[in-house]
Amino acid sequence: MINHPRLVPLTLTQAAKLQIQRLLENRGKPSAGIRIGIQTKGCNGLAYTLEYADEIAPNDEKIELQGLTVLIDPKAVMFILGTEMDYLEDHLQSGFVFRNPNEKGRCGCGESFRV
């Protein structure tokens, strides 16, 4: 029998970790972590969602990443498997960026993707 390591659906860069910690600390109330999901949106079909999680839902995929609790909506796991989440900031904009090896295309404005 071959023992395969469990695939981690998501990894965080140091910049993403620090930004998530800042957001959770400044929220003003306790959080179970952050929840990542996807929704139908834009010209390519799917968009990432990110929200505070007040509690862990029974079907959430729970991952402990670098001391943070990240919850993944069960409907999103198959779409983001192997994704790296980063946080970028420059003179014109700032935000989370998802580097997803499963993406087959992305719209020109960067709002949506397809797998």
N, C-alpha and C. Protein backbone atom coordinates (compact mmCIF):
# COMPACT_ATOMS: atom_id res chain seq x y z
N MET A 1 0.84 -1.18 0.00
CA MET A 1 0.00 0.00 0.00
C MET A 1 0.88 1.24 0.00
N ILE A 2 0.61 2.17 -0.89
CA ILE A 2 1.36 3.41 -0.99
C ILE A 2 0.66 4.47 -0.15
N ASN A 3 1.42 5.15 0.67
CA ASN A 3 0.87 6.19 1.51
C ASN A 3 1.16 7.55 0.87
N HIS A 4 0.12 8.24 0.41
CA HIS A 4 0.28 9.55 -0.21
C HIS A 4 0.03 10.63 0.83
N PRO A 5 0.86 11.67 0.86
CA PRO A 5 0.59 12.77 1.79
C PRO A 5 -0.70 13.48 1.38
N ARG A 6 -1.41 13.99 2.33
CA ARG A 6 -2.65 14.71 2.08
C ARG A 6 -2.34 16.03 1.39
N LEU A 7 -3.02 16.28 0.29
CA LEU A 7 -2.82 17.54 -0.42
C LEU A 7 -3.40 18.69 0.38
N VAL A 8 -2.66 19.77 0.47
CA VAL A 8 -3.13 20.97 1.15
C VAL A 8 -3.83 21.83 0.12
N PRO A 9 -5.10 22.15 0.34
CA PRO A 9 -5.83 22.93 -0.66
C PRO A 9 -5.27 24.33 -0.88
N LEU A 10 -4.62 24.90 0.13
CA LEU A 10 -4.22 26.30 0.06
C LEU A 10 -2.97 26.55 0.88
N THR A 11 -2.09 27.40 0.37
CA THR A 11 -0.94 27.86 1.14
C THR A 11 -0.98 29.38 1.19
N LEU A 12 -0.31 29.95 2.18
CA LEU A 12 -0.25 31.41 2.36
C LEU A 12 1.17 31.90 2.24
N THR A 13 1.36 33.04 1.60
CA THR A 13 2.65 33.70 1.64
C THR A 13 2.75 34.43 2.98
N GLN A 14 3.93 34.87 3.33
CA GLN A 14 4.12 35.64 4.56
C GLN A 14 3.30 36.93 4.52
N ALA A 15 3.25 37.58 3.37
CA ALA A 15 2.48 38.83 3.25
C ALA A 15 0.99 38.58 3.49
N ALA A 16 0.45 37.49 2.97
CA ALA A 16 -0.97 37.16 3.18
C ALA A 16 -1.22 36.86 4.66
N LYS A 17 -0.33 36.11 5.26
CA LYS A 17 -0.48 35.78 6.68
C LYS A 17 -0.52 37.04 7.53
N LEU A 18 0.41 37.97 7.29
CA LEU A 18 0.45 39.20 8.08
C LEU A 18 -0.81 40.04 7.88
N GLN A 19 -1.30 40.14 6.66
CA GLN A 19 -2.51 40.92 6.40
C GLN A 19 -3.74 40.29 7.05
N ILE A 20 -3.84 38.97 6.99
CA ILE A 20 -4.97 38.29 7.63
C ILE A 20 -4.92 38.52 9.14
N GLN A 21 -3.73 38.42 9.73
CA GLN A 21 -3.59 38.68 11.17
C GLN A 21 -4.04 40.10 11.51
N ARG A 22 -3.63 41.09 10.69
CA ARG A 22 -4.04 42.48 10.93
C ARG A 22 -5.56 42.61 10.85
N LEU A 23 -6.15 42.02 9.85
CA LEU A 23 -7.60 42.11 9.69
C LEU A 23 -8.33 41.49 10.88
N LEU A 24 -7.88 40.33 11.31
CA LEU A 24 -8.53 39.66 12.44
C LEU A 24 -8.35 40.44 13.73
N GLU A 25 -7.16 41.00 13.95
CA GLU A 25 -6.90 41.79 15.16
C GLU A 25 -7.72 43.08 15.19
N ASN A 26 -7.95 43.68 14.05
CA ASN A 26 -8.67 44.95 13.97
C ASN A 26 -10.18 44.79 13.81
N ARG A 27 -10.65 43.58 13.76
CA ARG A 27 -12.09 43.34 13.54
C ARG A 27 -12.93 43.85 14.71
N GLY A 28 -12.44 43.75 15.90
CA GLY A 28 -13.19 44.23 17.06
C GLY A 28 -14.02 43.18 17.75
N LYS A 29 -14.00 41.96 17.26
CA LYS A 29 -14.68 40.86 17.94
C LYS A 29 -13.98 39.55 17.57
N PRO A 30 -14.14 38.54 18.41
CA PRO A 30 -13.46 37.26 18.14
C PRO A 30 -13.94 36.63 16.83
N SER A 31 -13.03 35.92 16.19
CA SER A 31 -13.34 35.22 14.94
C SER A 31 -12.83 33.80 15.03
N ALA A 32 -13.53 32.89 14.36
CA ALA A 32 -13.06 31.52 14.26
C ALA A 32 -11.94 31.43 13.23
N GLY A 33 -11.82 32.44 12.37
CA GLY A 33 -10.80 32.48 11.33
C GLY A 33 -11.34 33.23 10.12
N ILE A 34 -10.79 32.91 8.97
CA ILE A 34 -11.31 33.46 7.73
C ILE A 34 -11.86 32.32 6.89
N ARG A 35 -12.84 32.61 6.06
CA ARG A 35 -13.43 31.61 5.18
C ARG A 35 -13.21 32.03 3.73
N ILE A 36 -12.70 31.10 2.95
CA ILE A 36 -12.50 31.33 1.53
C ILE A 36 -13.50 30.48 0.77
N GLY A 37 -14.09 31.09 -0.24
CA GLY A 37 -15.04 30.37 -1.08
C GLY A 37 -14.96 30.88 -2.50
N ILE A 38 -15.89 30.44 -3.30
CA ILE A 38 -16.01 30.92 -4.67
C ILE A 38 -17.47 31.24 -4.93
N GLN A 39 -17.70 32.10 -5.89
CA GLN A 39 -19.06 32.41 -6.31
C GLN A 39 -19.07 32.58 -7.82
N THR A 40 -20.23 32.44 -8.41
CA THR A 40 -20.38 32.66 -9.83
C THR A 40 -20.41 34.16 -10.07
N LYS A 41 -19.50 34.62 -10.97
CA LYS A 41 -19.37 36.06 -11.17
C LYS A 41 -18.51 36.34 -12.39
N GLY A 42 -18.72 37.46 -13.02
CA GLY A 42 -17.85 37.94 -14.07
C GLY A 42 -17.96 37.19 -15.38
N CYS A 43 -17.08 37.55 -16.30
CA CYS A 43 -17.15 37.00 -17.65
C CYS A 43 -16.54 35.61 -17.77
N ASN A 44 -15.74 35.17 -16.79
CA ASN A 44 -15.15 33.84 -16.85
C ASN A 44 -15.82 32.84 -15.92
N GLY A 45 -16.74 33.29 -15.08
CA GLY A 45 -17.57 32.36 -14.34
C GLY A 45 -17.39 32.25 -12.84
N LEU A 46 -16.16 32.35 -12.32
CA LEU A 46 -15.95 32.14 -10.89
C LEU A 46 -15.10 33.27 -10.30
N ALA A 47 -15.37 33.60 -9.04
CA ALA A 47 -14.58 34.60 -8.33
C ALA A 47 -14.36 34.11 -6.90
N TYR A 48 -13.22 34.49 -6.34
CA TYR A 48 -12.91 34.12 -4.96
C TYR A 48 -13.67 35.01 -4.00
N THR A 49 -14.07 34.45 -2.86
CA THR A 49 -14.68 35.24 -1.80
C THR A 49 -13.85 35.05 -0.54
N LEU A 50 -13.84 36.05 0.29
CA LEU A 50 -13.10 36.02 1.55
C LEU A 50 -13.94 36.75 2.58
N GLU A 51 -14.17 36.10 3.71
CA GLU A 51 -15.00 36.72 4.75
C GLU A 51 -14.53 36.26 6.13
N TYR A 52 -14.90 37.04 7.14
CA TYR A 52 -14.65 36.63 8.51
C TYR A 52 -15.57 35.45 8.82
N ALA A 53 -15.07 34.52 9.59
CA ALA A 53 -15.89 33.39 10.03
C ALA A 53 -16.14 33.52 11.52
N ASP A 54 -17.40 33.68 11.89
CA ASP A 54 -17.75 33.76 13.30
C ASP A 54 -17.73 32.38 13.96
N GLU A 55 -18.02 31.36 13.17
CA GLU A 55 -17.98 29.99 13.67
C GLU A 55 -17.60 29.05 12.54
N ILE A 56 -17.22 27.85 12.90
CA ILE A 56 -16.84 26.85 11.91
C ILE A 56 -18.08 26.06 11.53
N ALA A 57 -18.41 26.06 10.25
CA ALA A 57 -19.56 25.30 9.75
C ALA A 57 -19.18 23.81 9.71
N PRO A 58 -20.16 22.93 9.88
CA PRO A 58 -19.86 21.49 9.95
C PRO A 58 -19.10 20.93 8.74
N ASN A 59 -19.32 21.46 7.56
CA ASN A 59 -18.67 20.92 6.36
C ASN A 59 -17.47 21.73 5.89
N ASP A 60 -17.08 22.77 6.63
CA ASP A 60 -15.91 23.55 6.25
C ASP A 60 -14.67 22.67 6.27
N GLU A 61 -13.78 22.90 5.32
CA GLU A 61 -12.45 22.30 5.34
C GLU A 61 -11.61 23.22 6.23
N LYS A 62 -11.15 22.71 7.34
CA LYS A 62 -10.40 23.52 8.30
C LYS A 62 -8.92 23.24 8.14
N ILE A 63 -8.15 24.32 7.93
CA ILE A 63 -6.71 24.20 7.78
C ILE A 63 -6.05 25.17 8.75
N GLU A 64 -5.05 24.69 9.44
CA GLU A 64 -4.23 25.54 10.29
C GLU A 64 -3.00 25.90 9.47
N LEU A 65 -2.88 27.17 9.11
CA LEU A 65 -1.77 27.64 8.30
C LEU A 65 -1.00 28.71 9.07
N GLN A 66 0.21 28.40 9.43
CA GLN A 66 1.08 29.37 10.06
C GLN A 66 0.42 30.05 11.26
N GLY A 67 -0.30 29.29 12.06
CA GLY A 67 -0.95 29.83 13.25
C GLY A 67 -2.30 30.46 13.01
N LEU A 68 -2.79 30.42 11.78
CA LEU A 68 -4.11 30.97 11.46
C LEU A 68 -5.07 29.86 11.09
N THR A 69 -6.34 30.05 11.41
CA THR A 69 -7.35 29.11 10.98
C THR A 69 -7.98 29.62 9.70
N VAL A 70 -7.85 28.82 8.65
CA VAL A 70 -8.45 29.15 7.37
C VAL A 70 -9.50 28.09 7.09
N LEU A 71 -10.69 28.54 6.82
CA LEU A 71 -11.80 27.64 6.51
C LEU A 71 -12.09 27.76 5.02
N ILE A 72 -12.31 26.64 4.38
CA ILE A 72 -12.63 26.65 2.96
C ILE A 72 -14.01 26.06 2.80
N ASP A 73 -14.86 26.83 2.14
CA ASP A 73 -16.20 26.36 1.84
C ASP A 73 -16.08 25.03 1.08
N PRO A 74 -16.83 24.00 1.47
CA PRO A 74 -16.68 22.69 0.82
C PRO A 74 -16.92 22.72 -0.68
N LYS A 75 -17.74 23.65 -1.16
CA LYS A 75 -17.99 23.75 -2.60
C LYS A 75 -16.79 24.33 -3.35
N ALA A 76 -15.85 24.95 -2.63
CA ALA A 76 -14.71 25.61 -3.27
C ALA A 76 -13.46 24.75 -3.31
N VAL A 77 -13.37 23.72 -2.48
CA VAL A 77 -12.13 22.96 -2.33
C VAL A 77 -11.62 22.45 -3.68
N MET A 78 -12.47 21.84 -4.46
CA MET A 78 -12.00 21.25 -5.72
C MET A 78 -11.52 22.30 -6.72
N PHE A 79 -11.96 23.55 -6.57
CA PHE A 79 -11.56 24.61 -7.49
C PHE A 79 -10.25 25.29 -7.09
N ILE A 80 -9.87 25.17 -5.81
CA ILE A 80 -8.68 25.90 -5.35
C ILE A 80 -7.54 24.99 -4.89
N LEU A 81 -7.66 23.71 -5.08
CA LEU A 81 -6.64 22.77 -4.66
C LEU A 81 -5.27 23.17 -5.21
N GLY A 82 -4.31 23.38 -4.32
CA GLY A 82 -2.96 23.75 -4.72
C GLY A 82 -2.72 25.25 -4.87
N THR A 83 -3.69 26.07 -4.51
CA THR A 83 -3.60 27.52 -4.69
C THR A 83 -2.72 28.17 -3.63
N GLU A 84 -1.99 29.19 -4.04
CA GLU A 84 -1.22 30.02 -3.12
C GLU A 84 -1.92 31.37 -2.99
N MET A 85 -2.17 31.80 -1.76
CA MET A 85 -2.80 33.08 -1.49
C MET A 85 -1.72 34.06 -1.07
N ASP A 86 -1.69 35.22 -1.73
CA ASP A 86 -0.68 36.24 -1.46
C ASP A 86 -1.40 37.56 -1.20
N TYR A 87 -0.68 38.53 -0.68
CA TYR A 87 -1.20 39.88 -0.50
C TYR A 87 -0.22 40.84 -1.13
N LEU A 88 -0.70 41.66 -2.07
CA LEU A 88 0.15 42.61 -2.76
C LEU A 88 -0.35 44.02 -2.50
N GLU A 89 0.60 44.94 -2.39
CA GLU A 89 0.27 46.35 -2.15
C GLU A 89 1.23 47.20 -2.96
N ASP A 90 0.68 48.15 -3.73
CA ASP A 90 1.52 49.10 -4.46
C ASP A 90 0.88 50.47 -4.36
N HIS A 91 1.34 51.43 -5.15
CA HIS A 91 0.86 52.81 -5.05
C HIS A 91 -0.60 52.97 -5.45
N LEU A 92 -1.12 52.09 -6.30
CA LEU A 92 -2.47 52.24 -6.83
C LEU A 92 -3.50 51.31 -6.22
N GLN A 93 -3.07 50.18 -5.69
CA GLN A 93 -4.05 49.21 -5.18
C GLN A 93 -3.42 48.27 -4.18
N SER A 94 -4.26 47.55 -3.48
CA SER A 94 -3.80 46.50 -2.58
C SER A 94 -4.88 45.44 -2.53
N GLY A 95 -4.48 44.21 -2.27
CA GLY A 95 -5.46 43.14 -2.16
C GLY A 95 -4.84 41.77 -2.18
N PHE A 96 -5.69 40.79 -1.92
CA PHE A 96 -5.26 39.40 -1.95
C PHE A 96 -5.23 38.92 -3.39
N VAL A 97 -4.24 38.10 -3.68
CA VAL A 97 -4.06 37.52 -5.01
C VAL A 97 -3.99 36.00 -4.84
N PHE A 98 -4.71 35.30 -5.70
CA PHE A 98 -4.73 33.85 -5.66
C PHE A 98 -3.99 33.31 -6.89
N ARG A 99 -2.95 32.52 -6.65
CA ARG A 99 -2.22 31.87 -7.75
C ARG A 99 -2.68 30.42 -7.78
N ASN A 100 -3.57 30.14 -8.72
CA ASN A 100 -4.26 28.86 -8.78
C ASN A 100 -3.77 28.06 -9.99
N PRO A 101 -3.12 26.92 -9.75
CA PRO A 101 -2.62 26.12 -10.87
C PRO A 101 -3.74 25.48 -11.70
N ASN A 102 -4.96 25.50 -11.20
CA ASN A 102 -6.09 24.90 -11.90
C ASN A 102 -6.77 25.85 -12.88
N GLU A 103 -6.42 27.12 -12.83
CA GLU A 103 -7.06 28.10 -13.71
C GLU A 103 -6.75 27.81 -15.17
N LYS A 104 -7.78 27.87 -15.99
CA LYS A 104 -7.63 27.70 -17.44
C LYS A 104 -7.75 29.03 -18.15
N GLY A 105 -8.23 30.04 -17.45
CA GLY A 105 -8.37 31.37 -18.03
C GLY A 105 -8.80 32.36 -16.98
N ARG A 106 -8.55 33.64 -17.27
CA ARG A 106 -8.90 34.72 -16.36
C ARG A 106 -9.36 35.88 -17.22
N CYS A 107 -10.36 36.60 -16.74
CA CYS A 107 -10.85 37.75 -17.51
C CYS A 107 -9.82 38.87 -17.49
N GLY A 108 -9.93 39.78 -18.42
CA GLY A 108 -8.97 40.88 -18.55
C GLY A 108 -8.91 41.79 -17.34
N CYS A 109 -10.03 41.98 -16.65
CA CYS A 109 -10.03 42.86 -15.47
C CYS A 109 -9.58 42.14 -14.21
N GLY A 110 -9.42 40.81 -14.28
CA GLY A 110 -8.96 40.06 -13.13
C GLY A 110 -10.05 39.72 -12.13
N GLU A 111 -11.30 39.98 -12.47
CA GLU A 111 -12.40 39.76 -11.54
C GLU A 111 -12.81 38.30 -11.43
N SER A 112 -12.65 37.54 -12.51
CA SER A 112 -13.12 36.16 -12.47
C SER A 112 -12.14 35.23 -13.20
N PHE A 113 -12.34 33.92 -12.96
CA PHE A 113 -11.48 32.91 -13.56
C PHE A 113 -12.33 31.70 -13.93
N ARG A 114 -11.71 30.78 -14.67
CA ARG A 114 -12.39 29.52 -14.97
C ARG A 114 -11.38 28.38 -14.79
N VAL A 115 -11.90 27.21 -14.46
CA VAL A 115 -11.05 26.03 -14.29
C VAL A 115 -11.47 24.97 -15.28
